[in-house]
Amino acid sequence: MVVRMRHTRAHTANRRSHHALKKANLQGCPNCGAMLHSHTACDACGMYKGRVVRKVKAKTA
């Protein structure tokens, strides 16, 4: 199949304008202060909305 009309550079650039990566929206954990994404459980302490939802293993040196 052959393309009938070629898209202009402006048309192509306008389509690609939404392809950029967005900066991560990180917030501090209210319990331990570790940086995390909003609406997720903390990897460092396992807390979410004031309750423990995940058991965290102790770090071994």
N, C-alpha and C. Protein backbone atom coordinates (compact mmCIF):
# COMPACT_ATOMS: atom_id res chain seq x y z
N MET A 1 0.84 -1.17 0.00
CA MET A 1 0.00 0.00 0.00
C MET A 1 0.89 1.24 0.00
N VAL A 2 0.52 2.22 -0.77
CA VAL A 2 1.32 3.43 -0.92
C VAL A 2 0.64 4.57 -0.17
N VAL A 3 1.44 5.39 0.51
CA VAL A 3 0.91 6.54 1.22
C VAL A 3 0.53 7.61 0.21
N ARG A 4 -0.70 8.11 0.29
CA ARG A 4 -1.16 9.09 -0.70
C ARG A 4 -0.52 10.46 -0.47
N MET A 5 -0.61 10.94 0.77
CA MET A 5 -0.09 12.27 1.07
C MET A 5 0.95 12.15 2.18
N ARG A 6 2.06 12.80 1.97
CA ARG A 6 3.12 12.79 2.97
C ARG A 6 2.78 13.80 4.06
N HIS A 7 2.99 13.43 5.32
CA HIS A 7 2.77 14.36 6.42
C HIS A 7 3.91 15.36 6.47
N THR A 8 3.58 16.60 6.76
CA THR A 8 4.61 17.64 6.88
C THR A 8 5.41 17.43 8.15
N ARG A 9 6.55 18.10 8.24
CA ARG A 9 7.38 18.01 9.44
C ARG A 9 6.64 18.54 10.66
N ALA A 10 5.83 19.58 10.46
CA ALA A 10 5.07 20.14 11.58
C ALA A 10 4.02 19.15 12.08
N HIS A 11 3.35 18.47 11.16
CA HIS A 11 2.35 17.49 11.54
C HIS A 11 3.00 16.35 12.33
N THR A 12 4.13 15.88 11.86
CA THR A 12 4.85 14.80 12.53
C THR A 12 5.34 15.25 13.90
N ALA A 13 5.86 16.49 13.99
CA ALA A 13 6.37 17.00 15.27
C ALA A 13 5.24 17.19 16.27
N ASN A 14 4.07 17.64 15.80
CA ASN A 14 2.93 17.80 16.70
C ASN A 14 2.47 16.46 17.25
N ARG A 15 2.50 15.42 16.44
CA ARG A 15 2.12 14.10 16.90
C ARG A 15 3.12 13.58 17.93
N ARG A 16 4.40 13.84 17.69
CA ARG A 16 5.44 13.34 18.59
C ARG A 16 5.62 14.19 19.84
N SER A 17 4.92 15.31 19.94
CA SER A 17 5.09 16.18 21.10
C SER A 17 4.63 15.52 22.39
N HIS A 18 3.81 14.50 22.30
CA HIS A 18 3.30 13.81 23.49
C HIS A 18 4.15 12.59 23.86
N HIS A 19 5.23 12.34 23.14
CA HIS A 19 6.05 11.15 23.38
C HIS A 19 7.12 11.36 24.44
N ALA A 20 7.27 12.58 24.94
CA ALA A 20 8.33 12.86 25.91
C ALA A 20 8.03 12.19 27.24
N LEU A 21 9.07 11.80 27.96
CA LEU A 21 8.91 11.21 29.27
C LEU A 21 8.62 12.30 30.29
N LYS A 22 7.77 11.98 31.25
CA LYS A 22 7.43 12.94 32.29
C LYS A 22 8.26 12.66 33.53
N LYS A 23 8.54 13.70 34.27
CA LYS A 23 9.32 13.58 35.49
C LYS A 23 8.51 12.82 36.54
N ALA A 24 9.16 11.94 37.28
CA ALA A 24 8.48 11.15 38.31
C ALA A 24 8.01 12.06 39.43
N ASN A 25 6.77 11.84 39.88
CA ASN A 25 6.19 12.63 40.95
C ASN A 25 6.46 11.91 42.27
N LEU A 26 7.59 12.23 42.90
CA LEU A 26 7.99 11.56 44.13
C LEU A 26 7.59 12.39 45.33
N GLN A 27 7.20 11.69 46.39
CA GLN A 27 6.85 12.34 47.64
C GLN A 27 7.56 11.61 48.77
N GLY A 28 7.71 12.29 49.89
CA GLY A 28 8.35 11.68 51.05
C GLY A 28 7.36 10.85 51.84
N CYS A 29 7.81 9.72 52.32
CA CYS A 29 6.98 8.86 53.16
C CYS A 29 6.76 9.57 54.49
N PRO A 30 5.51 9.68 54.97
CA PRO A 30 5.28 10.36 56.24
C PRO A 30 5.83 9.59 57.44
N ASN A 31 6.07 8.29 57.28
CA ASN A 31 6.56 7.49 58.39
C ASN A 31 8.09 7.51 58.48
N CYS A 32 8.79 7.24 57.37
CA CYS A 32 10.25 7.14 57.42
C CYS A 32 10.97 8.21 56.61
N GLY A 33 10.26 8.92 55.72
CA GLY A 33 10.88 9.98 54.94
C GLY A 33 11.49 9.53 53.63
N ALA A 34 11.40 8.26 53.29
CA ALA A 34 11.96 7.77 52.02
C ALA A 34 11.12 8.30 50.86
N MET A 35 11.76 8.52 49.71
CA MET A 35 11.07 9.03 48.54
C MET A 35 10.34 7.88 47.84
N LEU A 36 9.07 8.12 47.46
CA LEU A 36 8.28 7.10 46.80
C LEU A 36 7.22 7.74 45.92
N HIS A 37 6.66 6.96 45.00
CA HIS A 37 5.57 7.42 44.16
C HIS A 37 4.30 7.54 45.00
N SER A 38 3.42 8.46 44.63
CA SER A 38 2.18 8.61 45.37
C SER A 38 1.27 7.40 45.15
N HIS A 39 0.44 7.10 46.11
CA HIS A 39 -0.51 5.99 46.09
C HIS A 39 0.17 4.63 46.01
N THR A 40 1.36 4.50 46.58
CA THR A 40 2.05 3.21 46.64
C THR A 40 2.56 2.98 48.05
N ALA A 41 2.75 1.74 48.41
CA ALA A 41 3.32 1.41 49.71
C ALA A 41 4.81 1.71 49.71
N CYS A 42 5.33 2.10 50.85
CA CYS A 42 6.75 2.46 50.98
C CYS A 42 7.59 1.18 50.94
N ASP A 43 8.65 1.19 50.13
CA ASP A 43 9.54 0.04 50.06
C ASP A 43 10.42 -0.06 51.29
N ALA A 44 10.69 1.08 51.94
CA ALA A 44 11.61 1.08 53.07
C ALA A 44 10.95 0.59 54.36
N CYS A 45 9.71 1.02 54.61
CA CYS A 45 9.07 0.65 55.89
C CYS A 45 7.81 -0.19 55.71
N GLY A 46 7.25 -0.27 54.52
CA GLY A 46 6.08 -1.10 54.27
C GLY A 46 4.76 -0.47 54.67
N MET A 47 4.74 0.83 54.94
CA MET A 47 3.52 1.49 55.38
C MET A 47 2.76 2.07 54.18
N TYR A 48 1.43 2.11 54.30
CA TYR A 48 0.58 2.79 53.33
C TYR A 48 -0.64 3.30 54.06
N LYS A 49 -0.86 4.60 53.99
CA LYS A 49 -1.99 5.27 54.66
C LYS A 49 -2.04 4.95 56.15
N GLY A 50 -0.88 4.92 56.80
CA GLY A 50 -0.82 4.76 58.24
C GLY A 50 -0.91 3.34 58.75
N ARG A 51 -0.92 2.36 57.87
CA ARG A 51 -0.95 0.96 58.34
C ARG A 51 0.08 0.14 57.59
N VAL A 52 0.53 -0.93 58.22
CA VAL A 52 1.55 -1.80 57.63
C VAL A 52 0.85 -2.72 56.63
N VAL A 53 1.29 -2.67 55.37
CA VAL A 53 0.69 -3.51 54.34
C VAL A 53 1.71 -4.48 53.75
N ARG A 54 2.96 -4.32 54.11
CA ARG A 54 4.02 -5.17 53.57
C ARG A 54 5.08 -5.38 54.63
N LYS A 55 5.50 -6.63 54.78
CA LYS A 55 6.60 -6.92 55.70
C LYS A 55 7.91 -6.62 55.00
N VAL A 56 8.78 -5.89 55.68
CA VAL A 56 10.06 -5.49 55.11
C VAL A 56 11.16 -6.30 55.77
N LYS A 57 11.99 -6.93 54.94
CA LYS A 57 13.11 -7.69 55.46
C LYS A 57 14.20 -6.74 55.93
N ALA A 58 14.91 -7.12 56.99
CA ALA A 58 16.01 -6.30 57.49
C ALA A 58 17.18 -6.39 56.51
N LYS A 59 17.84 -5.26 56.28
CA LYS A 59 18.98 -5.25 55.37
C LYS A 59 20.16 -5.94 56.03
N THR A 60 20.84 -6.80 55.26
CA THR A 60 22.03 -7.47 55.76
C THR A 60 23.26 -6.82 55.16
N ALA A 61 24.27 -6.61 55.98
CA ALA A 61 25.47 -5.93 55.50
C ALA A 61 26.45 -6.88 54.88
